[in-house]
Structure formats: structure tokens, C-alpha cells
């Protein structure tokens, strides 16, 4: 029996024991309140350091330990923590497996992971097995097997595993959630979203994210980064909470952008210009939910274009579109078939309470304030003993798009079914509500 199969069968057995006791272990985690949340942090490069800065603004946070393979980055985080008035945290810098020593500490409640994608599951699983909640940067997993490993470990240990999808907390996305929950758009029937971001320079930079992002594009023809656009859509459509992603098909364009960019940067005869890039420049996926809604998700990081997450929500009474400008049309309210400016015409009445109450505190904290609100809300849930807005089932469902799109593309856009990571619990799980700070 292979190690992965044996591990999965063990975790499934633990979950079965939990069910036989009449309650899922995860419910116990949701009931425990905390006055302080003791945090360990793995990976403090650019993204991780941004999270550290935001966490240090929250009074309930104690940042106790930091791990990074680059000692200077861990030491920089130490300095930030000390400057914020907290004791200097311990650091773990003895190689790529030193995160295990951090996870084994007894004085931690939550471990953040902000490392390259291929490390996310290993580190989250280690954290949960050591009795800590885990919060990981996106995507949480890169394969269906990894998605199941996160789900089964969370269920077996009773620890949360949260995907840090900051785009769920941007202003327009939160306002749209408020509008959908209160019925302004009627019933949702369709959405468009994606990640359309020119990353050619970053992928050929030879440092930072460029050290590993390019490698994934060379190996996989798939939607490698689905969660920024799809996360907010999933939240408004109640995915895993009364609704599910059911099946999807994907199609890829040719791959040209990265090679053309390399030819300009390094020369047309350079090794970089001749690399075999598997991922097509534009990957389009069409998803259908159990409730009958359709979602178009697009991935495009190899073309010259302005940044966009292509957010569009179509309801039976109207629609919202975020890019290139935030606008709305509501039947019976908007004139004729014209658009209205979403912020100017609707923010006063429909601003989400979280954004209204936290906008000033969130200023200057990264990505227009949504990074701060993401961390605020996660810590709020933990201190109140509540389930997080986006849990391990959401991390799995959103991350699964990469593997399913890869399968579909490889098989001439064959339809691929989504696993039900909740094993039927989606029918009784309540939707994410409109909460206040």
C-alpha cells in the first residue's frame, strides 16, 4: 500500500470516529474562544511580510515565531515585531524543513503559510497535526489528492484550515455580497471572473515569485491561479453552503507570450526564449453549480494588459461589474438600459458594514485595504470561537479548479466533475452572512 493511500485511509478512519461520536471535530474548534491568538509565521518574503505588518496592527495578536529559509528575512520580521512593542519572536532558519520545529511549539494557536505553492499542503498538514489552526496563501493546494489531504486532516484534527483569499474582502466584492444577501440583484444566475494580470516581467525576473511561478507554467497547462476571482463569486453563490460547484470544462489558447517576452529580454536565440511553456496564454473555464448557475473563469498572466479580476455578477433583477470601473444596473432603479456608478450611486445605502467600519484602519495596509480586513476577520472569528468565513472545504473546492482544468484541457475540453469535499454537509451548512466589525 502506498504511503499516500495509507495516510488517506488513516485520516478517513479518524473522521469516521468523529462522526460516530455525533459531531464533527471541527465544531469543537469553532466553540473555543481566545483572548489572544498566538501566531507562528512560515515564509516572510514580500507577501509574508505584508501579512506580518497587518497582523501587528491587531491587538489580539501575539506573533511568537517566524520561519524562513533566508535568515535575513526572518530577522527582518523579528525587527518588525519588536518595533511593534512585542517580544522578539524566535526564528527558524535551519533549512527548508525547519518549519516542523516551529509547528511543534506548544505556545502557538495559528500558523500562517506564505511560501511557494508546492509547500502549502505540507506545512498546513504539519500545523494541524501539531494541534494548530492553519492559514495559507493561495492556492491552498495544487492537486485533488492534496485538496482531500487538507480536508481529511482538518476533520481528523479538529483544526481550521483557511485559505487567505483577500479578494473576498475588497470593497466592491463585499458590497456585492451585501446586495446579493438582501435581494437587490434577485437570484444569481451567472458570473464572470478571473485573474488577468501581466506577470511576464515577474516570471522572468529571476527573483522573488519569479523563482517558482515560471516553473508551474512550464509544467502545467491549467488555470494555475483561480481563487482571486472565483473566491468572491463562490461566497455570493453559497458554494459549500446550500450549493456546490458541480462540473466544469476548460480550454486553453496557444502559448506564446512568455517566449516572446523572453526573446525581447534575453535575445531570440537565448535558452529562455526557447523554453517549452506548457500553459496556454489564456485558459478559460466554464463551471456549473448544483443550483444551475454558470461561471466563466479566465486565467491570463502572459499577455500585455491592465490588471483585472473580471468580476461580474448577473442576477434576475440586475448585475454588477467591477472592471474597468465599478458599475451596476438594477431593473426598475437604473434608467433604461444604462449603467450607474456603483460607488457614487449605491455605496451610501449598500456599503458592507465591515468596509464601512474598517476603511480608515485599513488604509495603506496592502491591496487597497482588503489585506487588513481579511486578517481582521479571521482573528475576529477565532477570538469569538466562530467558524471562519472561508474554511477548509472552500480552500479545497477553489483550489481544485487547477487540477480539473488541467484534466479537461488535456482531454479536448472534456467535462470534469467536482468532488464534494463536504461529503453532503453542504446541504445544511449556513451561508456566509453580512457581518459587522
Protein backbone atom coordinates (compact mmCIF):
# COMPACT_ATOMS: atom_id res chain seq x y z
CA UNK A 1 0.00 0.00 0.00
CA UNK A 2 1.44 3.41 -0.94
CA UNK A 3 2.18 5.98 1.74
CA UNK A 4 -0.36 8.48 0.38
CA UNK A 5 -3.15 5.89 0.26
CA UNK A 6 -2.34 4.63 3.75
CA UNK A 7 -2.31 8.16 5.10
CA UNK A 8 -5.65 8.96 3.49
CA UNK A 9 -7.26 5.78 4.83
CA UNK A 10 -5.96 6.62 8.31
CA UNK A 11 -7.41 10.13 8.14
CA UNK A 12 -10.73 8.82 6.82
CA UNK A 13 -10.83 6.44 9.76
CA UNK A 14 -10.27 9.31 12.18
CA UNK A 15 -13.09 11.24 10.52
CA UNK A 16 -15.41 8.24 10.79
CA UNK A 17 -14.69 8.06 14.52
CA UNK A 18 -15.58 11.73 14.83
CA UNK A 19 -18.89 11.15 13.03
CA UNK A 20 -19.69 8.20 15.26
CA UNK A 21 -19.44 10.48 18.29
CA UNK A 22 -22.29 12.52 16.83
CA UNK A 23 -20.39 15.69 16.00
CA UNK A 24 -17.65 16.71 13.63
CA UNK A 25 -14.36 17.53 15.35
CA UNK A 26 -14.31 20.85 13.55
CA UNK A 27 -17.29 22.02 15.60
CA UNK A 28 -15.16 21.83 18.76
CA UNK A 29 -12.60 24.12 17.18
CA UNK A 30 -15.34 26.61 16.38
CA UNK A 31 -16.52 26.71 20.01
CA UNK A 32 -13.18 27.60 21.59
CA UNK A 33 -12.82 31.33 22.20
CA UNK A 34 -9.46 33.08 22.52
CA UNK A 35 -8.49 36.36 24.11
CA UNK A 36 -5.11 36.29 22.38
CA UNK A 37 -4.16 34.41 19.21
CA UNK A 38 -0.56 33.19 19.34
CA UNK A 39 0.81 33.06 15.80
CA UNK A 40 3.72 31.37 14.08
CA UNK A 41 4.62 32.50 10.57
CA UNK A 42 6.24 30.43 7.82
CA UNK A 43 7.58 32.40 4.86
CA UNK A 44 8.27 36.11 5.30
CA UNK A 45 9.22 37.27 1.83
CA UNK A 46 7.27 40.08 0.23
CA UNK A 47 3.80 38.63 0.74
CA UNK A 48 4.51 37.19 4.18
CA UNK A 49 6.00 40.44 5.45
CA UNK A 50 2.87 42.28 4.35
CA UNK A 51 0.77 39.91 6.45
CA UNK A 52 3.10 40.39 9.42
CA UNK A 53 2.68 44.17 9.24
CA UNK A 54 -1.12 43.83 9.17
CA UNK A 55 -1.26 41.28 11.97
CA UNK A 56 0.80 43.53 14.22
CA UNK A 57 -1.96 46.17 13.97
CA UNK A 58 -4.41 43.82 15.67
CA UNK A 59 -4.40 43.91 19.49
CA UNK A 60 -5.36 40.24 19.89
CA UNK A 61 -2.24 39.03 18.04
CA UNK A 62 0.92 37.69 19.64
CA UNK A 63 3.47 36.83 16.96
CA UNK A 64 5.68 34.27 18.69
CA UNK A 65 7.77 32.59 15.97
CA UNK A 66 8.96 33.10 12.40
CA UNK A 67 10.42 30.67 9.87
CA UNK A 68 12.15 31.33 6.56
CA UNK A 69 14.94 29.65 4.60
CA UNK A 70 16.54 33.11 4.22
CA UNK A 71 17.78 34.18 7.65
CA UNK A 72 17.77 37.91 6.83
CA UNK A 73 14.04 37.78 6.04
CA UNK A 74 13.26 36.09 9.36
CA UNK A 75 15.40 38.65 11.16
CA UNK A 76 13.55 41.48 9.41
CA UNK A 77 10.28 40.05 10.70
CA UNK A 78 11.79 39.85 14.19
CA UNK A 79 12.61 43.55 13.97
CA UNK A 80 9.07 44.43 12.86
CA UNK A 81 7.55 42.53 15.77
CA UNK A 82 9.90 44.13 18.28
CA UNK A 83 9.27 47.60 16.83
CA UNK A 84 5.52 47.00 17.31
CA UNK A 85 6.13 46.54 21.03
CA UNK A 86 6.00 42.76 21.26
CA UNK A 87 8.77 40.46 22.50
CA UNK A 88 11.24 39.48 19.81
CA UNK A 89 9.94 36.21 18.25
CA UNK A 90 12.01 33.06 17.88
CA UNK A 91 13.25 32.33 14.38
CA UNK A 92 13.67 29.06 12.49
CA UNK A 93 16.13 29.27 9.60
CA UNK A 94 17.89 25.88 9.55
CA UNK A 95 16.80 24.69 6.12
CA UNK A 96 13.56 24.03 4.31
CA UNK A 97 12.22 21.54 6.90
CA UNK A 98 12.79 23.74 9.93
CA UNK A 99 9.13 24.73 9.80
CA UNK A 100 8.42 21.44 11.56
CA UNK A 101 10.19 22.67 14.69
CA UNK A 102 8.05 25.82 14.61
CA UNK A 103 4.87 23.76 14.24
CA UNK A 104 5.86 21.63 17.25
CA UNK A 105 5.90 24.60 19.63
CA UNK A 106 3.31 24.37 22.36
CA UNK A 107 2.68 28.12 22.60
CA UNK A 108 1.02 28.62 19.19
CA UNK A 109 -2.65 28.66 18.16
CA UNK A 110 -2.43 29.57 14.49
CA UNK A 111 0.22 29.16 11.80
CA UNK A 112 0.35 31.31 8.69
CA UNK A 113 1.89 29.92 5.49
CA UNK A 114 3.16 32.29 2.78
CA UNK A 115 5.56 30.11 0.82
CA UNK A 116 5.71 28.80 -2.79
CA UNK A 117 2.60 26.83 -3.76
CA UNK A 118 4.12 23.36 -3.58
CA UNK A 119 4.78 23.80 0.16
CA UNK A 120 1.31 24.91 1.25
CA UNK A 121 -0.23 21.49 1.91
CA UNK A 122 2.86 20.03 3.62
CA UNK A 123 3.02 22.96 6.02
CA UNK A 124 -0.71 23.20 6.73
CA UNK A 125 -0.94 19.47 7.40
CA UNK A 126 2.03 19.62 9.76
CA UNK A 127 0.47 22.57 11.60
CA UNK A 128 -2.88 20.83 12.04
CA UNK A 129 -1.31 17.55 13.14
CA UNK A 130 0.57 19.54 15.77
CA UNK A 131 -2.72 20.97 17.08
CA UNK A 132 -2.67 24.39 15.40
CA UNK A 133 -5.08 26.10 13.05
CA UNK A 134 -3.58 26.82 9.63
CA UNK A 135 -3.99 29.78 7.29
CA UNK A 136 -2.38 29.59 3.88
CA UNK A 137 -1.79 31.84 0.94
CA UNK A 138 -3.49 30.95 -2.34
CA UNK A 139 -3.90 28.47 -3.88
CA UNK A 140 -4.14 26.15 -0.89
CA UNK A 141 -3.38 23.00 -2.93
CA UNK A 142 -2.21 22.01 -6.40
CA UNK A 143 -3.89 18.62 -6.89
CA UNK A 144 -7.13 16.85 -6.00
CA UNK A 145 -5.23 14.49 -3.71
CA UNK A 146 -3.77 17.47 -1.85
CA UNK A 147 -7.24 19.02 -1.54
CA UNK A 148 -8.52 15.83 0.10
CA UNK A 149 -5.47 15.72 2.38
CA UNK A 150 -6.28 19.18 3.71
CA UNK A 151 -9.95 18.31 4.23
CA UNK A 152 -9.30 14.99 5.93
CA UNK A 153 -6.56 16.37 8.17
CA UNK A 154 -8.77 19.26 9.26
CA UNK A 155 -11.63 16.90 10.04
CA UNK A 156 -9.41 14.42 11.87
CA UNK A 157 -7.63 17.03 14.00
CA UNK A 158 -10.49 19.47 14.56
CA UNK A 159 -8.37 22.37 13.35
CA UNK A 160 -9.35 25.01 10.83
CA UNK A 161 -7.50 25.33 7.53
CA UNK A 162 -8.23 28.71 5.96
CA UNK A 163 -7.24 29.90 2.50
CA UNK A 164 -6.24 33.56 2.76
CA UNK A 165 -8.32 34.81 -0.17
CA UNK A 166 -8.02 38.54 0.33
CA UNK A 167 -10.16 39.41 -2.71
CA UNK A 168 -13.28 38.28 -0.84
CA UNK A 169 -12.78 41.39 1.32
CA UNK A 170 -12.30 44.09 -1.29
CA UNK A 171 -14.79 46.92 -1.30
CA UNK A 172 -16.85 46.05 -4.38
CA UNK A 173 -16.90 42.32 -3.61
CA UNK A 174 -18.14 42.97 -0.07
CA UNK A 175 -20.74 45.43 -1.33
CA UNK A 176 -21.90 42.87 -3.88
CA UNK A 177 -22.24 40.24 -1.14
CA UNK A 178 -24.37 42.66 0.87
CA UNK A 179 -26.58 43.36 -2.15
CA UNK A 180 -26.98 39.69 -3.02
CA UNK A 181 -27.85 38.72 0.55
CA UNK A 182 -30.52 41.45 0.68
CA UNK A 183 -32.01 40.55 -2.70
CA UNK A 184 -31.19 43.66 -4.72
CA UNK A 185 -29.99 41.63 -7.73
CA UNK A 186 -32.62 38.90 -7.41
CA UNK A 187 -31.37 35.34 -7.79
CA UNK A 188 -27.85 34.95 -9.16
CA UNK A 189 -27.72 33.08 -12.47
CA UNK A 190 -24.27 33.79 -13.91
CA UNK A 191 -20.86 35.20 -13.06
CA UNK A 192 -17.62 36.08 -14.80
CA UNK A 193 -14.31 36.30 -13.00
CA UNK A 194 -10.63 35.56 -13.36
CA UNK A 195 -7.04 36.57 -12.87
CA UNK A 196 -5.88 38.79 -15.70
CA UNK A 197 -2.51 40.19 -14.68
CA UNK A 198 0.59 40.75 -16.80
CA UNK A 199 3.23 38.77 -14.89
CA UNK A 200 5.74 38.32 -17.70
CA UNK A 201 8.29 40.59 -16.06
CA UNK A 202 7.91 38.89 -12.68
CA UNK A 203 8.22 35.40 -14.12
CA UNK A 204 11.43 36.29 -15.95
CA UNK A 205 12.88 38.41 -13.12
CA UNK A 206 14.92 35.58 -11.59
CA UNK A 207 13.99 36.54 -8.04
CA UNK A 208 11.02 36.60 -5.69
CA UNK A 209 7.96 34.89 -7.17
CA UNK A 210 9.80 34.54 -10.45
CA UNK A 211 11.92 31.80 -8.90
CA UNK A 212 8.95 29.42 -8.83
CA UNK A 213 5.94 30.86 -10.72
CA UNK A 214 7.53 30.24 -14.12
CA UNK A 215 8.20 26.61 -13.24
CA UNK A 216 4.49 25.89 -12.86
CA UNK A 217 3.72 27.43 -16.27
CA UNK A 218 6.38 25.27 -17.86
CA UNK A 219 4.90 22.09 -16.38
CA UNK A 220 1.13 22.54 -16.40
CA UNK A 221 -1.45 23.70 -18.93
CA UNK A 222 -4.12 24.76 -16.47
CA UNK A 223 -5.74 27.66 -14.65
CA UNK A 224 -2.92 27.96 -12.14
CA UNK A 225 -4.40 30.77 -10.06
CA UNK A 226 -8.20 30.58 -9.94
CA UNK A 227 -9.08 31.81 -6.47
CA UNK A 228 -8.82 35.63 -6.65
CA UNK A 229 -11.79 35.98 -8.96
CA UNK A 230 -13.60 32.78 -8.03
CA UNK A 231 -13.43 33.23 -4.25
CA UNK A 232 -15.87 36.17 -4.04
CA UNK A 233 -18.17 34.52 -6.59
CA UNK A 234 -18.22 31.30 -4.57
CA UNK A 235 -19.09 33.24 -1.43
CA UNK A 236 -22.03 35.05 -3.03
CA UNK A 237 -23.29 31.81 -4.65
CA UNK A 238 -23.16 29.91 -1.32
CA UNK A 239 -20.71 27.28 -2.55
CA UNK A 240 -20.40 24.50 0.08
CA UNK A 241 -23.32 26.12 1.94
CA UNK A 242 -26.51 25.13 0.14
CA UNK A 243 -24.79 24.95 -3.24
CA UNK A 244 -21.78 23.24 -4.86
CA UNK A 245 -19.51 23.53 -7.85
CA UNK A 246 -20.85 20.61 -9.92
CA UNK A 247 -18.79 20.26 -13.11
CA UNK A 248 -16.56 22.28 -15.44
CA UNK A 249 -14.93 22.38 -18.86
CA UNK A 250 -11.74 24.22 -19.80
CA UNK A 251 -9.97 25.31 -22.97
CA UNK A 252 -6.52 26.79 -23.50
CA UNK A 253 -5.13 29.08 -26.17
CA UNK A 254 -1.66 28.66 -27.66
CA UNK A 255 1.36 29.55 -25.54
CA UNK A 256 3.26 32.50 -26.98
CA UNK A 257 3.53 35.40 -24.54
CA UNK A 258 6.30 34.18 -22.24
CA UNK A 259 8.57 33.14 -25.13
CA UNK A 260 8.04 36.40 -26.98
CA UNK A 261 8.82 38.38 -23.83
CA UNK A 262 11.97 36.30 -23.23
CA UNK A 263 13.11 36.87 -26.81
CA UNK A 264 12.91 40.63 -26.27
CA UNK A 265 14.60 40.49 -22.87
CA UNK A 266 17.31 37.89 -23.45
CA UNK A 267 17.51 37.57 -27.25
CA UNK A 268 15.62 35.41 -29.75
CA UNK A 269 18.32 32.71 -29.66
CA UNK A 270 18.55 32.62 -25.87
CA UNK A 271 17.68 29.42 -23.92
CA UNK A 272 14.89 31.33 -22.19
CA UNK A 273 13.19 32.18 -25.49
CA UNK A 274 13.20 28.52 -26.49
CA UNK A 275 11.80 27.05 -23.27
CA UNK A 276 8.78 24.79 -23.64
CA UNK A 277 5.96 26.59 -21.83
CA UNK A 278 3.02 24.21 -21.34
CA UNK A 279 0.42 26.70 -20.12
CA UNK A 280 -1.55 28.50 -22.80
CA UNK A 281 -1.64 32.26 -22.54
CA UNK A 282 -5.41 32.32 -21.90
CA UNK A 283 -7.17 29.50 -20.06
CA UNK A 284 -10.97 29.74 -19.96
CA UNK A 285 -13.11 27.53 -17.73
CA UNK A 286 -16.88 27.26 -17.57
CA UNK A 287 -18.28 25.99 -14.27
CA UNK A 288 -21.86 24.96 -13.48
CA UNK A 289 -23.19 24.83 -9.95
CA UNK A 290 -25.75 22.47 -8.43
CA UNK A 291 -28.17 25.42 -8.33
CA UNK A 292 -27.84 25.81 -12.10
CA UNK A 293 -25.66 28.93 -12.19
CA UNK A 294 -22.81 29.28 -14.67
CA UNK A 295 -19.40 30.85 -14.02
CA UNK A 296 -16.79 31.85 -16.59
CA UNK A 297 -13.31 31.90 -15.02
CA UNK A 298 -10.32 33.17 -17.05
CA UNK A 299 -6.57 32.97 -16.35
CA UNK A 300 -4.24 35.25 -18.33
CA UNK A 301 -0.81 36.21 -16.98
CA UNK A 302 1.29 36.12 -20.17
CA UNK A 303 -0.23 38.95 -22.20
CA UNK A 304 0.16 42.75 -22.23
CA UNK A 305 -2.96 44.04 -20.46
CA UNK A 306 -4.16 46.10 -17.48
CA UNK A 307 -4.89 44.23 -14.26
CA UNK A 308 -8.39 42.80 -13.83
CA UNK A 309 -10.24 40.16 -11.85
CA UNK A 310 -13.12 40.34 -14.33
CA UNK A 311 -15.79 40.43 -11.62
CA UNK A 312 -19.34 40.31 -12.97
CA UNK A 313 -22.43 39.06 -11.15
CA UNK A 314 -25.67 38.67 -13.10
CA UNK A 315 -28.92 38.30 -11.21
CA UNK A 316 -32.55 38.07 -12.29
CA UNK A 317 -33.04 41.74 -11.33
CA UNK A 318 -29.73 43.26 -12.39
CA UNK A 319 -25.95 42.98 -12.48
CA UNK A 320 -22.70 44.35 -11.07
CA UNK A 321 -19.45 44.69 -12.98
CA UNK A 322 -16.19 45.80 -11.34
CA UNK A 323 -13.71 46.25 -14.19
CA UNK A 324 -12.73 48.58 -15.80
CA UNK A 325 -14.94 50.67 -13.48
CA UNK A 326 -17.37 49.59 -10.77
CA UNK A 327 -20.86 49.89 -12.17
CA UNK A 328 -24.36 48.48 -11.67
CA UNK A 329 -27.67 48.14 -13.44
CA UNK A 330 -30.82 47.32 -11.46
CA UNK A 331 -34.16 46.80 -13.16
CA UNK A 332 -36.65 49.43 -12.03
CA UNK A 333 -33.92 51.61 -10.50
CA UNK A 334 -31.44 52.32 -13.28
CA UNK A 335 -32.64 54.43 -16.22
CA UNK A 336 -33.43 52.46 -19.35
CA UNK A 337 -30.59 50.10 -20.19
CA UNK A 338 -27.87 52.38 -18.77
CA UNK A 339 -25.22 51.74 -16.13
CA UNK A 340 -24.88 53.60 -12.84
CA UNK A 341 -21.66 54.26 -10.95
CA UNK A 342 -21.69 51.67 -8.16
CA UNK A 343 -19.82 53.69 -5.54
CA UNK A 344 -21.37 57.06 -6.28
CA UNK A 345 -24.97 55.86 -6.52
CA UNK A 346 -25.10 52.89 -4.13
CA UNK A 347 -22.31 53.00 -1.53
CA UNK A 348 -24.21 55.17 0.94
CA UNK A 349 -27.00 52.60 1.26
CA UNK A 350 -25.26 49.34 0.33
CA UNK A 351 -21.71 49.58 1.68
CA UNK A 352 -20.83 46.39 3.55
CA UNK A 353 -20.59 47.02 7.34
CA UNK A 354 -17.05 45.59 7.52
CA UNK A 355 -15.78 48.01 4.92
CA UNK A 356 -17.72 50.95 6.33
CA UNK A 357 -16.34 50.37 9.82
CA UNK A 358 -12.77 49.39 8.92
CA UNK A 359 -11.93 51.52 5.89
CA UNK A 360 -9.91 54.07 7.85
CA UNK A 361 -7.96 51.44 9.80
CA UNK A 362 -7.29 49.51 6.58
CA UNK A 363 -5.76 52.44 4.68
CA UNK A 364 -2.24 51.75 3.47
CA UNK A 365 -2.28 48.12 4.56
CA UNK A 366 -1.94 46.41 1.19
CA UNK A 367 -4.12 45.83 -1.88
CA UNK A 368 -6.35 48.78 -1.11
CA UNK A 369 -7.19 47.67 2.44
CA UNK A 370 -8.57 44.20 1.77
CA UNK A 371 -5.48 42.52 3.26
CA UNK A 372 -6.14 44.15 6.62
CA UNK A 373 -9.84 43.26 6.57
CA UNK A 374 -9.01 39.63 5.68
CA UNK A 375 -6.76 39.30 8.71
CA UNK A 376 -9.11 41.27 10.96
CA UNK A 377 -11.99 38.98 10.10
CA UNK A 378 -10.01 35.75 10.60
CA UNK A 379 -8.82 36.89 14.02
CA UNK A 380 -12.34 38.06 14.89
CA UNK A 381 -13.72 34.59 14.16
CA UNK A 382 -11.05 32.87 16.25
CA UNK A 383 -11.45 35.15 19.26
CA UNK A 384 -15.24 34.75 19.14
CA UNK A 385 -14.99 30.99 18.74
CA UNK A 386 -16.80 31.13 15.39
CA UNK A 387 -16.17 29.27 12.15
CA UNK A 388 -14.13 31.30 9.64
CA UNK A 389 -15.88 32.76 6.61
CA UNK A 390 -13.91 30.53 4.23
CA UNK A 391 -12.94 27.13 5.66
CA UNK A 392 -11.10 24.02 4.51
CA UNK A 393 -13.95 22.94 2.21
CA UNK A 394 -13.74 26.28 0.39
CA UNK A 395 -9.95 26.03 0.18
CA UNK A 396 -10.33 22.61 -1.45
CA UNK A 397 -13.15 23.50 -3.85
CA UNK A 398 -11.45 26.64 -5.13
CA UNK A 399 -8.02 25.04 -5.43
CA UNK A 400 -9.46 22.00 -7.24
CA UNK A 401 -10.09 24.18 -10.31
CA UNK A 402 -6.40 23.94 -11.24
CA UNK A 403 -6.31 20.14 -11.43
CA UNK A 404 -9.74 19.85 -13.06
CA UNK A 405 -8.90 22.45 -15.71
CA UNK A 406 -5.67 20.60 -16.46
CA UNK A 407 -7.58 17.34 -16.96
CA UNK A 408 -10.21 18.97 -19.13
CA UNK A 409 -7.68 20.72 -21.38
CA UNK A 410 -5.69 17.50 -21.80
CA UNK A 411 -8.87 15.70 -22.92
CA UNK A 412 -10.21 18.13 -25.54
CA UNK A 413 -12.31 20.09 -23.04
CA UNK A 414 -13.98 17.06 -21.54
CA UNK A 415 -16.35 17.80 -18.67
CA UNK A 416 -14.86 17.17 -15.23
CA UNK A 417 -16.90 16.63 -12.06
CA UNK A 418 -16.01 18.43 -8.83
CA UNK A 419 -15.58 16.24 -5.76
CA UNK A 420 -17.99 17.02 -2.92
CA UNK A 421 -15.38 17.78 -0.30
CA UNK A 422 -18.13 18.32 2.31
CA UNK A 423 -19.49 14.76 1.78
CA UNK A 424 -23.06 16.06 1.74
CA UNK A 425 -22.71 18.60 4.59
CA UNK A 426 -23.22 21.43 2.07
CA UNK A 427 -26.96 20.85 2.26
CA UNK A 428 -27.19 22.06 5.89
CA UNK A 429 -24.27 24.48 6.22
CA UNK A 430 -25.45 28.11 6.55
CA UNK A 431 -24.28 30.72 4.01
CA UNK A 432 -21.71 33.36 4.92
CA UNK A 433 -23.68 36.28 6.33
CA UNK A 434 -23.21 40.05 6.33
CA UNK A 435 -21.19 40.63 9.49
CA UNK A 436 -20.04 43.72 11.34
CA UNK A 437 -16.67 44.68 12.79
